[in-house]
Amino acid sequence: MNPHLTRAVVLLQQSRPDLAEKELRQALLADPNDPRAHAFLSLCLAEQDKLEPATDEARAAIGAAPDEPLGHYALSVALRRRNRFDPAREAINEAIRLDPGDADHWGELAQIELNRRDWKGALAAAERGLAIDPENATCTNLRAVALVKLGRRAEAGATIDAALARDPDDPLTHANQGWTLLHAGEPRKAMEHFREALRLDP
């Protein structure tokens, strides 16, 4: 793997998309048709709300390697962030068709279904992802959100408690715990988790 691409993946995992973007542009100078570099660049741009170029990079990834699921996943993320939920759903369904064993694909589908206010669909997708990877943070959190929306707050609380026990420093889990407690009529406890989420990710 191109060393710039390797560094970019690490930077993305560290939530540093601006630095990852620079590495990926270097990787593409060396190989302008690298589908993974285009796909990861799309994800970096989406994280920075540069959504039109993110969409273009995802389409470039798909054009270079239509059977590579990462490009379709990246396209789904970019389109979802542009509130284009139906085409985003088509893109992630293609990623799932190509690689149904990737829990992150099911997490992306769960997020789309939440955006479409299909709580049952979101729960089903999140649970498919958790069947593959029981510790997937995205699927865990989206399962909890769907459970809250379906009025199953006790199950949501148990899901988030388990996620916090595994990773007490996940800001998204703390935010979701805050929402769960708010729905349960416990605003003071909710505030503690919202504050912790902001401390971890201002």
N, C-alpha and C. Protein backbone atom coordinates (compact mmCIF):
# COMPACT_ATOMS: atom_id res chain seq x y z
N MET A 1 0.85 -1.20 0.00
CA MET A 1 0.00 0.00 0.00
C MET A 1 0.88 1.25 0.00
N ASN A 2 0.48 2.24 -0.75
CA ASN A 2 1.19 3.52 -0.79
C ASN A 2 1.33 4.07 0.64
N PRO A 3 2.54 4.50 1.05
CA PRO A 3 2.72 4.98 2.43
C PRO A 3 1.85 6.20 2.77
N HIS A 4 1.55 7.04 1.78
CA HIS A 4 0.66 8.18 2.02
C HIS A 4 -0.76 7.68 2.35
N LEU A 5 -1.17 6.63 1.65
CA LEU A 5 -2.49 6.06 1.90
C LEU A 5 -2.54 5.43 3.29
N THR A 6 -1.47 4.74 3.66
CA THR A 6 -1.39 4.12 4.99
C THR A 6 -1.49 5.18 6.08
N ARG A 7 -0.74 6.26 5.93
CA ARG A 7 -0.78 7.34 6.93
C ARG A 7 -2.17 7.98 6.97
N ALA A 8 -2.79 8.13 5.80
CA ALA A 8 -4.11 8.75 5.75
C ALA A 8 -5.15 7.94 6.50
N VAL A 9 -5.10 6.62 6.37
CA VAL A 9 -6.05 5.76 7.08
C VAL A 9 -5.90 5.94 8.59
N VAL A 10 -4.66 6.00 9.05
CA VAL A 10 -4.41 6.20 10.49
C VAL A 10 -4.95 7.56 10.92
N LEU A 11 -4.71 8.59 10.14
CA LEU A 11 -5.18 9.94 10.48
C LEU A 11 -6.71 10.00 10.50
N LEU A 12 -7.35 9.30 9.58
CA LEU A 12 -8.81 9.25 9.58
C LEU A 12 -9.33 8.59 10.85
N GLN A 13 -8.66 7.50 11.26
CA GLN A 13 -9.06 6.82 12.50
C GLN A 13 -8.87 7.72 13.72
N GLN A 14 -7.95 8.67 13.61
CA GLN A 14 -7.69 9.62 14.70
C GLN A 14 -8.55 10.88 14.59
N SER A 15 -9.52 10.86 13.67
CA SER A 15 -10.42 12.01 13.44
C SER A 15 -9.63 13.26 13.06
N ARG A 16 -8.69 13.09 12.13
CA ARG A 16 -7.90 14.22 11.62
C ARG A 16 -8.02 14.26 10.10
N PRO A 17 -9.23 14.53 9.60
CA PRO A 17 -9.46 14.42 8.15
C PRO A 17 -8.69 15.44 7.32
N ASP A 18 -8.38 16.61 7.90
CA ASP A 18 -7.65 17.62 7.14
C ASP A 18 -6.23 17.14 6.81
N LEU A 19 -5.58 16.50 7.79
CA LEU A 19 -4.24 15.96 7.54
C LEU A 19 -4.30 14.73 6.64
N ALA A 20 -5.33 13.92 6.83
CA ALA A 20 -5.50 12.75 5.97
C ALA A 20 -5.71 13.17 4.52
N GLU A 21 -6.45 14.25 4.31
CA GLU A 21 -6.68 14.75 2.95
C GLU A 21 -5.37 15.07 2.25
N LYS A 22 -4.44 15.69 2.95
CA LYS A 22 -3.14 16.03 2.35
C LYS A 22 -2.37 14.78 1.93
N GLU A 23 -2.41 13.76 2.80
CA GLU A 23 -1.71 12.51 2.47
C GLU A 23 -2.34 11.84 1.25
N LEU A 24 -3.67 11.88 1.18
CA LEU A 24 -4.36 11.22 0.08
C LEU A 24 -4.11 11.93 -1.24
N ARG A 25 -3.99 13.24 -1.20
CA ARG A 25 -3.68 13.97 -2.44
C ARG A 25 -2.27 13.60 -2.92
N GLN A 26 -1.36 13.37 -1.97
CA GLN A 26 -0.02 12.90 -2.36
C GLN A 26 -0.10 11.49 -2.96
N ALA A 27 -0.92 10.64 -2.36
CA ALA A 27 -1.08 9.28 -2.88
C ALA A 27 -1.62 9.31 -4.31
N LEU A 28 -2.55 10.23 -4.58
CA LEU A 28 -3.15 10.31 -5.91
C LEU A 28 -2.20 10.92 -6.94
N LEU A 29 -1.22 11.70 -6.48
CA LEU A 29 -0.19 12.17 -7.41
C LEU A 29 0.62 10.98 -7.92
N ALA A 30 0.86 10.01 -7.03
CA ALA A 30 1.63 8.83 -7.43
C ALA A 30 0.80 7.89 -8.29
N ASP A 31 -0.50 7.78 -7.99
CA ASP A 31 -1.37 6.89 -8.75
C ASP A 31 -2.76 7.54 -8.85
N PRO A 32 -3.00 8.32 -9.91
CA PRO A 32 -4.26 9.06 -10.03
C PRO A 32 -5.50 8.19 -10.13
N ASN A 33 -5.34 6.90 -10.39
CA ASN A 33 -6.49 6.02 -10.55
C ASN A 33 -6.67 5.06 -9.37
N ASP A 34 -6.02 5.33 -8.25
CA ASP A 34 -6.12 4.45 -7.09
C ASP A 34 -7.53 4.57 -6.49
N PRO A 35 -8.38 3.52 -6.60
CA PRO A 35 -9.76 3.65 -6.14
C PRO A 35 -9.88 3.85 -4.63
N ARG A 36 -8.96 3.21 -3.87
CA ARG A 36 -9.03 3.36 -2.41
C ARG A 36 -8.66 4.77 -1.99
N ALA A 37 -7.67 5.36 -2.66
CA ALA A 37 -7.29 6.74 -2.33
C ALA A 37 -8.45 7.69 -2.63
N HIS A 38 -9.13 7.48 -3.76
CA HIS A 38 -10.29 8.32 -4.08
C HIS A 38 -11.40 8.14 -3.04
N ALA A 39 -11.64 6.89 -2.64
CA ALA A 39 -12.72 6.62 -1.68
C ALA A 39 -12.40 7.23 -0.32
N PHE A 40 -11.17 7.04 0.15
CA PHE A 40 -10.80 7.62 1.45
C PHE A 40 -10.78 9.14 1.39
N LEU A 41 -10.38 9.70 0.24
CA LEU A 41 -10.42 11.16 0.10
C LEU A 41 -11.87 11.64 0.17
N SER A 42 -12.79 10.90 -0.43
CA SER A 42 -14.20 11.24 -0.33
C SER A 42 -14.65 11.29 1.12
N LEU A 43 -14.26 10.29 1.90
CA LEU A 43 -14.65 10.25 3.32
C LEU A 43 -14.04 11.41 4.10
N CYS A 44 -12.78 11.76 3.78
CA CYS A 44 -12.14 12.92 4.43
C CYS A 44 -12.89 14.21 4.12
N LEU A 45 -13.24 14.38 2.87
CA LEU A 45 -13.94 15.60 2.45
C LEU A 45 -15.32 15.67 3.08
N ALA A 46 -16.01 14.53 3.16
CA ALA A 46 -17.34 14.50 3.79
C ALA A 46 -17.24 14.89 5.26
N GLU A 47 -16.18 14.43 5.93
CA GLU A 47 -15.99 14.78 7.35
C GLU A 47 -15.79 16.29 7.53
N GLN A 48 -15.29 16.93 6.48
CA GLN A 48 -15.06 18.38 6.54
C GLN A 48 -16.21 19.17 5.89
N ASP A 49 -17.32 18.48 5.61
CA ASP A 49 -18.49 19.10 4.98
C ASP A 49 -18.21 19.68 3.60
N LYS A 50 -17.23 19.12 2.91
CA LYS A 50 -16.98 19.47 1.50
C LYS A 50 -17.70 18.42 0.65
N LEU A 51 -19.01 18.55 0.60
CA LEU A 51 -19.84 17.44 0.16
C LEU A 51 -19.88 17.23 -1.34
N GLU A 52 -19.82 18.30 -2.11
CA GLU A 52 -19.83 18.11 -3.57
C GLU A 52 -18.55 17.44 -4.04
N PRO A 53 -17.36 17.93 -3.64
CA PRO A 53 -16.14 17.21 -4.04
C PRO A 53 -16.07 15.80 -3.44
N ALA A 54 -16.65 15.61 -2.26
CA ALA A 54 -16.69 14.25 -1.68
C ALA A 54 -17.47 13.31 -2.58
N THR A 55 -18.58 13.80 -3.12
CA THR A 55 -19.38 12.99 -4.04
C THR A 55 -18.59 12.68 -5.30
N ASP A 56 -17.87 13.69 -5.83
CA ASP A 56 -17.07 13.49 -7.05
C ASP A 56 -15.99 12.44 -6.82
N GLU A 57 -15.32 12.51 -5.65
CA GLU A 57 -14.24 11.55 -5.37
C GLU A 57 -14.79 10.13 -5.22
N ALA A 58 -15.97 10.01 -4.61
CA ALA A 58 -16.57 8.68 -4.48
C ALA A 58 -16.91 8.12 -5.86
N ARG A 59 -17.44 8.97 -6.73
CA ARG A 59 -17.76 8.51 -8.09
C ARG A 59 -16.49 8.13 -8.86
N ALA A 60 -15.39 8.85 -8.61
CA ALA A 60 -14.12 8.49 -9.24
C ALA A 60 -13.65 7.12 -8.74
N ALA A 61 -13.83 6.86 -7.44
CA ALA A 61 -13.46 5.55 -6.89
C ALA A 61 -14.27 4.44 -7.54
N ILE A 62 -15.56 4.67 -7.70
CA ILE A 62 -16.43 3.66 -8.32
C ILE A 62 -16.07 3.47 -9.78
N GLY A 63 -15.76 4.57 -10.47
CA GLY A 63 -15.37 4.47 -11.88
C GLY A 63 -14.11 3.66 -12.06
N ALA A 64 -13.17 3.79 -11.11
CA ALA A 64 -11.91 3.06 -11.21
C ALA A 64 -12.06 1.60 -10.81
N ALA A 65 -12.99 1.31 -9.89
CA ALA A 65 -13.15 -0.07 -9.40
C ALA A 65 -14.60 -0.28 -8.98
N PRO A 66 -15.51 -0.54 -9.93
CA PRO A 66 -16.93 -0.65 -9.60
C PRO A 66 -17.28 -1.82 -8.68
N ASP A 67 -16.40 -2.81 -8.58
CA ASP A 67 -16.66 -3.96 -7.70
C ASP A 67 -16.02 -3.81 -6.33
N GLU A 68 -15.45 -2.65 -6.05
CA GLU A 68 -14.85 -2.39 -4.74
C GLU A 68 -15.91 -1.71 -3.86
N PRO A 69 -16.32 -2.34 -2.75
CA PRO A 69 -17.41 -1.77 -1.95
C PRO A 69 -17.11 -0.43 -1.31
N LEU A 70 -15.83 -0.13 -1.05
CA LEU A 70 -15.48 1.11 -0.35
C LEU A 70 -15.98 2.35 -1.09
N GLY A 71 -15.89 2.35 -2.41
CA GLY A 71 -16.35 3.50 -3.19
C GLY A 71 -17.84 3.73 -3.02
N HIS A 72 -18.62 2.65 -3.03
CA HIS A 72 -20.07 2.77 -2.86
C HIS A 72 -20.41 3.24 -1.45
N TYR A 73 -19.65 2.75 -0.47
CA TYR A 73 -19.84 3.21 0.92
C TYR A 73 -19.57 4.71 1.01
N ALA A 74 -18.47 5.15 0.43
CA ALA A 74 -18.12 6.58 0.47
C ALA A 74 -19.18 7.42 -0.23
N LEU A 75 -19.70 6.92 -1.35
CA LEU A 75 -20.75 7.66 -2.06
C LEU A 75 -21.99 7.78 -1.18
N SER A 76 -22.32 6.71 -0.49
CA SER A 76 -23.48 6.75 0.41
C SER A 76 -23.31 7.80 1.49
N VAL A 77 -22.12 7.85 2.09
CA VAL A 77 -21.87 8.83 3.15
C VAL A 77 -22.03 10.25 2.61
N ALA A 78 -21.43 10.52 1.45
CA ALA A 78 -21.50 11.87 0.87
C ALA A 78 -22.94 12.25 0.54
N LEU A 79 -23.68 11.34 -0.07
CA LEU A 79 -25.07 11.64 -0.44
C LEU A 79 -25.96 11.80 0.79
N ARG A 80 -25.74 10.97 1.81
CA ARG A 80 -26.54 11.09 3.03
C ARG A 80 -26.33 12.45 3.67
N ARG A 81 -25.08 12.89 3.69
CA ARG A 81 -24.79 14.19 4.31
C ARG A 81 -25.37 15.34 3.49
N ARG A 82 -25.68 15.06 2.23
CA ARG A 82 -26.35 16.06 1.39
C ARG A 82 -27.87 15.90 1.46
N ASN A 83 -28.34 15.05 2.37
CA ASN A 83 -29.78 14.79 2.56
C ASN A 83 -30.42 14.15 1.34
N ARG A 84 -29.63 13.42 0.57
CA ARG A 84 -30.15 12.70 -0.59
C ARG A 84 -30.26 11.22 -0.21
N PHE A 85 -31.29 10.94 0.59
CA PHE A 85 -31.36 9.66 1.28
C PHE A 85 -31.66 8.48 0.35
N ASP A 86 -32.48 8.67 -0.65
CA ASP A 86 -32.79 7.54 -1.54
C ASP A 86 -31.58 7.09 -2.35
N PRO A 87 -30.85 8.02 -3.02
CA PRO A 87 -29.65 7.55 -3.71
C PRO A 87 -28.56 7.06 -2.75
N ALA A 88 -28.51 7.63 -1.55
CA ALA A 88 -27.55 7.13 -0.55
C ALA A 88 -27.86 5.68 -0.20
N ARG A 89 -29.15 5.39 -0.06
CA ARG A 89 -29.58 4.03 0.26
C ARG A 89 -29.21 3.07 -0.88
N GLU A 90 -29.38 3.52 -2.12
CA GLU A 90 -28.99 2.68 -3.26
C GLU A 90 -27.49 2.38 -3.22
N ALA A 91 -26.70 3.40 -2.88
CA ALA A 91 -25.24 3.23 -2.86
C ALA A 91 -24.83 2.25 -1.76
N ILE A 92 -25.40 2.39 -0.57
CA ILE A 92 -24.97 1.48 0.51
C ILE A 92 -25.50 0.08 0.27
N ASN A 93 -26.66 -0.04 -0.36
CA ASN A 93 -27.15 -1.38 -0.69
C ASN A 93 -26.22 -2.09 -1.68
N GLU A 94 -25.61 -1.32 -2.58
CA GLU A 94 -24.63 -1.91 -3.49
C GLU A 94 -23.38 -2.35 -2.73
N ALA A 95 -22.94 -1.51 -1.77
CA ALA A 95 -21.79 -1.90 -0.94
C ALA A 95 -22.10 -3.17 -0.16
N ILE A 96 -23.31 -3.26 0.36
CA ILE A 96 -23.72 -4.45 1.11
C ILE A 96 -23.78 -5.67 0.19
N ARG A 97 -24.28 -5.48 -1.03
CA ARG A 97 -24.32 -6.60 -1.99
C ARG A 97 -22.92 -7.13 -2.26
N LEU A 98 -21.96 -6.20 -2.39
CA LEU A 98 -20.58 -6.59 -2.68
C LEU A 98 -19.88 -7.19 -1.47
N ASP A 99 -20.23 -6.69 -0.27
CA ASP A 99 -19.58 -7.19 0.95
C ASP A 99 -20.58 -7.12 2.11
N PRO A 100 -21.45 -8.13 2.23
CA PRO A 100 -22.46 -8.11 3.29
C PRO A 100 -21.87 -8.36 4.68
N GLY A 101 -20.61 -8.73 4.76
CA GLY A 101 -19.99 -9.03 6.05
C GLY A 101 -19.28 -7.87 6.69
N ASP A 102 -19.48 -6.65 6.20
CA ASP A 102 -18.85 -5.46 6.78
C ASP A 102 -19.88 -4.75 7.65
N ALA A 103 -19.65 -4.74 8.95
CA ALA A 103 -20.62 -4.13 9.89
C ALA A 103 -20.80 -2.64 9.63
N ASP A 104 -19.75 -1.96 9.16
CA ASP A 104 -19.88 -0.52 8.91
C ASP A 104 -20.88 -0.23 7.80
N HIS A 105 -21.01 -1.14 6.84
CA HIS A 105 -22.02 -0.94 5.79
C HIS A 105 -23.42 -0.95 6.40
N TRP A 106 -23.66 -1.88 7.32
CA TRP A 106 -24.97 -1.94 7.96
C TRP A 106 -25.19 -0.72 8.86
N GLY A 107 -24.11 -0.22 9.47
CA GLY A 107 -24.22 1.01 10.27
C GLY A 107 -24.61 2.20 9.42
N GLU A 108 -24.05 2.29 8.23
CA GLU A 108 -24.41 3.37 7.32
C GLU A 108 -25.87 3.26 6.90
N LEU A 109 -26.32 2.04 6.61
CA LEU A 109 -27.73 1.85 6.26
C LEU A 109 -28.62 2.23 7.44
N ALA A 110 -28.22 1.88 8.65
CA ALA A 110 -29.01 2.24 9.83
C ALA A 110 -29.11 3.76 9.97
N GLN A 111 -28.01 4.47 9.69
CA GLN A 111 -28.04 5.93 9.78
C GLN A 111 -28.99 6.52 8.75
N ILE A 112 -28.97 5.98 7.55
CA ILE A 112 -29.88 6.46 6.50
C ILE A 112 -31.33 6.23 6.92
N GLU A 113 -31.61 5.04 7.45
CA GLU A 113 -32.99 4.74 7.86
C GLU A 113 -33.44 5.66 8.99
N LEU A 114 -32.53 6.00 9.89
CA LEU A 114 -32.87 6.98 10.93
C LEU A 114 -33.20 8.33 10.31
N ASN A 115 -32.39 8.75 9.34
CA ASN A 115 -32.64 10.03 8.67
C ASN A 115 -33.98 10.01 7.93
N ARG A 116 -34.37 8.82 7.46
CA ARG A 116 -35.66 8.67 6.77
C ARG A 116 -36.81 8.43 7.75
N ARG A 117 -36.49 8.43 9.04
CA ARG A 117 -37.47 8.23 10.11
C ARG A 117 -38.12 6.85 10.05
N ASP A 118 -37.37 5.88 9.54
CA ASP A 118 -37.81 4.50 9.54
C ASP A 118 -37.12 3.82 10.71
N TRP A 119 -37.72 3.94 11.90
CA TRP A 119 -37.07 3.47 13.12
C TRP A 119 -36.87 1.95 13.10
N LYS A 120 -37.86 1.22 12.61
CA LYS A 120 -37.75 -0.24 12.56
C LYS A 120 -36.67 -0.67 11.57
N GLY A 121 -36.61 0.01 10.44
CA GLY A 121 -35.57 -0.29 9.46
C GLY A 121 -34.18 -0.01 10.01
N ALA A 122 -34.06 1.10 10.76
CA ALA A 122 -32.77 1.45 11.37
C ALA A 122 -32.36 0.40 12.39
N LEU A 123 -33.31 -0.04 13.20
CA LEU A 123 -33.02 -1.06 14.22
C LEU A 123 -32.58 -2.36 13.55
N ALA A 124 -33.29 -2.76 12.50
CA ALA A 124 -32.95 -4.00 11.80
C ALA A 124 -31.55 -3.94 11.21
N ALA A 125 -31.21 -2.80 10.59
CA ALA A 125 -29.88 -2.66 9.97
C ALA A 125 -28.80 -2.68 11.05
N ALA A 126 -29.01 -1.94 12.14
CA ALA A 126 -28.01 -1.90 13.22
C ALA A 126 -27.81 -3.29 13.80
N GLU A 127 -28.89 -4.04 13.95
CA GLU A 127 -28.76 -5.38 14.52
C GLU A 127 -28.08 -6.34 13.56
N ARG A 128 -28.25 -6.15 12.25
CA ARG A 128 -27.50 -6.95 11.28
C ARG A 128 -26.00 -6.68 11.43
N GLY A 129 -25.65 -5.40 11.60
CA GLY A 129 -24.24 -5.06 11.80
C GLY A 129 -23.68 -5.65 13.08
N LEU A 130 -24.47 -5.61 14.15
CA LEU A 130 -24.00 -6.15 15.44
C LEU A 130 -23.90 -7.67 15.42
N ALA A 131 -24.67 -8.31 14.57
CA ALA A 131 -24.53 -9.77 14.42
C ALA A 131 -23.16 -10.12 13.81
N ILE A 132 -22.61 -9.20 13.02
CA ILE A 132 -21.29 -9.39 12.41
C ILE A 132 -20.20 -9.00 13.40
N ASP A 133 -20.37 -7.83 14.03
CA ASP A 133 -19.38 -7.30 14.97
C ASP A 133 -20.12 -6.76 16.20
N PRO A 134 -20.24 -7.57 17.26
CA PRO A 134 -21.02 -7.16 18.42
C PRO A 134 -20.50 -5.91 19.13
N GLU A 135 -19.26 -5.48 18.83
CA GLU A 135 -18.70 -4.31 19.49
C GLU A 135 -18.62 -3.10 18.56
N ASN A 136 -19.28 -3.16 17.42
CA ASN A 136 -19.24 -2.03 16.48
C ASN A 136 -19.94 -0.83 17.10
N ALA A 137 -19.16 0.24 17.32
CA ALA A 137 -19.69 1.40 18.06
C ALA A 137 -20.80 2.10 17.29
N THR A 138 -20.66 2.23 15.98
CA THR A 138 -21.70 2.90 15.18
C THR A 138 -23.01 2.15 15.27
N CYS A 139 -22.97 0.85 15.06
CA CYS A 139 -24.21 0.05 15.10
C CYS A 139 -24.81 0.05 16.50
N THR A 140 -23.96 0.00 17.52
CA THR A 140 -24.45 0.01 18.91
C THR A 140 -25.19 1.31 19.18
N ASN A 141 -24.59 2.42 18.82
CA ASN A 141 -25.21 3.71 19.08
C ASN A 141 -26.49 3.91 18.28
N LEU A 142 -26.47 3.49 17.02
CA LEU A 142 -27.67 3.65 16.20
C LEU A 142 -28.78 2.71 16.63
N ARG A 143 -28.42 1.54 17.13
CA ARG A 143 -29.43 0.65 17.71
C ARG A 143 -30.11 1.33 18.90
N ALA A 144 -29.30 1.97 19.74
CA ALA A 144 -29.86 2.65 20.91
C ALA A 144 -30.79 3.79 20.49
N VAL A 145 -30.38 4.57 19.49
CA VAL A 145 -31.23 5.68 19.02
C VAL A 145 -32.55 5.13 18.49
N ALA A 146 -32.48 4.07 17.69
CA ALA A 146 -33.71 3.49 17.14
C ALA A 146 -34.62 2.97 18.24
N LEU A 147 -34.03 2.35 19.26
CA LEU A 147 -34.84 1.85 20.39
C LEU A 147 -35.53 2.99 21.12
N VAL A 148 -34.82 4.10 21.31
CA VAL A 148 -35.44 5.27 21.95
C VAL A 148 -36.62 5.75 21.11
N LYS A 149 -36.42 5.84 19.80
CA LYS A 149 -37.49 6.32 18.92
C LYS A 149 -38.70 5.38 18.93
N LEU A 150 -38.44 4.09 19.16
CA LEU A 150 -39.52 3.10 19.21
C LEU A 150 -40.14 2.99 20.60
N GLY A 151 -39.65 3.83 21.54
CA GLY A 151 -40.21 3.81 22.89
C GLY A 151 -39.67 2.70 23.78
N ARG A 152 -38.61 2.03 23.33
CA ARG A 152 -38.02 0.93 24.10
C ARG A 152 -36.81 1.44 24.86
N ARG A 153 -37.07 2.36 25.81
CA ARG A 153 -35.98 3.10 26.45
C ARG A 153 -35.12 2.25 27.37
N ALA A 154 -35.72 1.28 28.04
CA ALA A 154 -34.93 0.42 28.93
C ALA A 154 -33.88 -0.36 28.13
N GLU A 155 -34.30 -0.89 26.97
CA GLU A 155 -33.36 -1.62 26.11
C GLU A 155 -32.27 -0.68 25.58
N ALA A 156 -32.68 0.55 25.23
CA ALA A 156 -31.70 1.54 24.74
C ALA A 156 -30.67 1.83 25.83
N GLY A 157 -31.15 2.04 27.06
CA GLY A 157 -30.24 2.33 28.16
C GLY A 157 -29.26 1.20 28.40
N ALA A 158 -29.75 -0.04 28.34
CA ALA A 158 -28.87 -1.19 28.54
C ALA A 158 -27.83 -1.29 27.43
N THR A 159 -28.25 -0.99 26.20
CA THR A 159 -27.32 -1.01 25.06
C THR A 159 -26.20 0.01 25.25
N ILE A 160 -26.58 1.22 25.68
CA ILE A 160 -25.58 2.27 25.85
C ILE A 160 -24.69 2.00 27.06
N ASP A 161 -25.26 1.48 28.12
CA ASP A 161 -24.45 1.12 29.29
C ASP A 161 -23.35 0.13 28.90
N ALA A 162 -23.72 -0.86 28.09
CA ALA A 162 -22.74 -1.86 27.65
C ALA A 162 -21.68 -1.21 26.77
N ALA A 163 -22.10 -0.28 25.89
CA ALA A 163 -21.14 0.41 25.02
C ALA A 163 -20.18 1.27 25.82
N LEU A 164 -20.68 1.95 26.85
CA LEU A 164 -19.81 2.78 27.69
C LEU A 164 -18.85 1.94 28.52
N ALA A 165 -19.30 0.75 28.91
CA ALA A 165 -18.41 -0.14 29.66
C ALA A 165 -17.24 -0.57 28.78
N ARG A 166 -17.51 -0.78 27.47
CA ARG A 166 -16.45 -1.18 26.54
C ARG A 166 -15.54 -0.01 26.21
N ASP A 167 -16.13 1.17 26.01
CA ASP A 167 -15.34 2.34 25.59
C ASP A 167 -15.90 3.59 26.28
N PRO A 168 -15.40 3.89 27.49
CA PRO A 168 -15.92 5.04 28.24
C PRO A 168 -15.53 6.39 27.65
N ASP A 169 -14.69 6.39 26.62
CA ASP A 169 -14.23 7.66 26.03
C ASP A 169 -14.83 7.92 24.65
N ASP A 170 -15.94 7.28 24.34
CA ASP A 170 -16.59 7.50 23.04
C ASP A 170 -17.59 8.64 23.18
N PRO A 171 -17.33 9.80 22.54
CA PRO A 171 -18.23 10.95 22.71
C PRO A 171 -19.64 10.70 22.18
N LEU A 172 -19.76 9.93 21.09
CA LEU A 172 -21.09 9.67 20.52
C LEU A 172 -21.93 8.85 21.49
N THR A 173 -21.30 7.89 22.17
CA THR A 173 -22.04 7.08 23.13
C THR A 173 -22.51 7.93 24.30
N HIS A 174 -21.65 8.84 24.76
CA HIS A 174 -22.07 9.73 25.85
C HIS A 174 -23.23 10.62 25.40
N ALA A 175 -23.17 11.12 24.17
CA ALA A 175 -24.26 11.96 23.67
C ALA A 175 -25.56 11.16 23.60
N ASN A 176 -25.46 9.92 23.14
CA ASN A 176 -26.66 9.08 23.06
C ASN A 176 -27.20 8.75 24.45
N GLN A 177 -26.30 8.56 25.40
CA GLN A 177 -26.76 8.33 26.77
C GLN A 177 -27.50 9.56 27.28
N GLY A 178 -26.99 10.74 26.91
CA GLY A 178 -27.67 11.98 27.29
C GLY A 178 -29.08 12.04 26.74
N TRP A 179 -29.24 11.71 25.46
CA TRP A 179 -30.58 11.73 24.85
C TRP A 179 -31.51 10.70 25.49
N THR A 180 -30.95 9.52 25.78
CA THR A 180 -31.76 8.47 26.40
C THR A 180 -32.27 8.93 27.77
N LEU A 181 -31.37 9.53 28.55
CA LEU A 181 -31.76 10.00 29.89
C LEU A 181 -32.74 11.16 29.79
N LEU A 182 -32.56 12.01 28.78
CA LEU A 182 -33.49 13.13 28.60
C LEU A 182 -34.90 12.61 28.31
N HIS A 183 -34.98 11.61 27.43
CA HIS A 183 -36.28 11.00 27.12
C HIS A 183 -36.88 10.31 28.34
N ALA A 184 -36.00 9.85 29.25
CA ALA A 184 -36.47 9.16 30.45
C ALA A 184 -36.84 10.15 31.57
N GLY A 185 -36.72 11.44 31.29
CA GLY A 185 -37.08 12.45 32.29
C GLY A 185 -36.01 12.68 33.34
N GLU A 186 -34.74 12.46 32.97
CA GLU A 186 -33.64 12.67 33.91
C GLU A 186 -32.65 13.69 33.33
N PRO A 187 -33.06 14.98 33.27
CA PRO A 187 -32.23 15.98 32.60
C PRO A 187 -30.87 16.23 33.27
N ARG A 188 -30.80 16.12 34.60
CA ARG A 188 -29.51 16.38 35.25
C ARG A 188 -28.47 15.32 34.90
N LYS A 189 -28.89 14.06 34.92
CA LYS A 189 -27.97 12.99 34.51
C LYS A 189 -27.62 13.13 33.02
N ALA A 190 -28.61 13.54 32.23
CA ALA A 190 -28.36 13.74 30.80
C ALA A 190 -27.28 14.80 30.58
N MET A 191 -27.35 15.88 31.34
CA MET A 191 -26.36 16.96 31.21
C MET A 191 -24.94 16.46 31.46
N GLU A 192 -24.79 15.56 32.42
CA GLU A 192 -23.46 15.02 32.71
C GLU A 192 -22.87 14.35 31.48
N HIS A 193 -23.71 13.58 30.78
CA HIS A 193 -23.20 12.86 29.61
C HIS A 193 -23.00 13.80 28.42
N PHE A 194 -23.86 14.81 28.26
CA PHE A 194 -23.64 15.79 27.20
C PHE A 194 -22.33 16.55 27.43
N ARG A 195 -22.08 16.91 28.70
CA ARG A 195 -20.82 17.61 29.02
C ARG A 195 -19.60 16.73 28.73
N GLU A 196 -19.72 15.45 29.08
CA GLU A 196 -18.60 14.54 28.83
C GLU A 196 -18.39 14.36 27.32
N ALA A 197 -19.48 14.28 26.56
CA ALA A 197 -19.35 14.18 25.10
C ALA A 197 -18.62 15.40 24.54
N LEU A 198 -18.96 16.58 25.04
CA LEU A 198 -18.31 17.81 24.57
C LEU A 198 -16.86 17.90 25.02
N ARG A 199 -16.58 17.38 26.22
CA ARG A 199 -15.18 17.38 26.67
C ARG A 199 -14.34 16.49 25.77
N LEU A 200 -14.88 15.33 25.40
CA LEU A 200 -14.13 14.38 24.59
C LEU A 200 -14.01 14.84 23.14
N ASP A 201 -15.03 15.55 22.64
CA ASP A 201 -15.02 16.00 21.24
C ASP A 201 -15.70 17.37 21.16
N PRO A 202 -14.93 18.44 21.46
CA PRO A 202 -15.53 19.81 21.47
C PRO A 202 -16.07 20.23 20.12
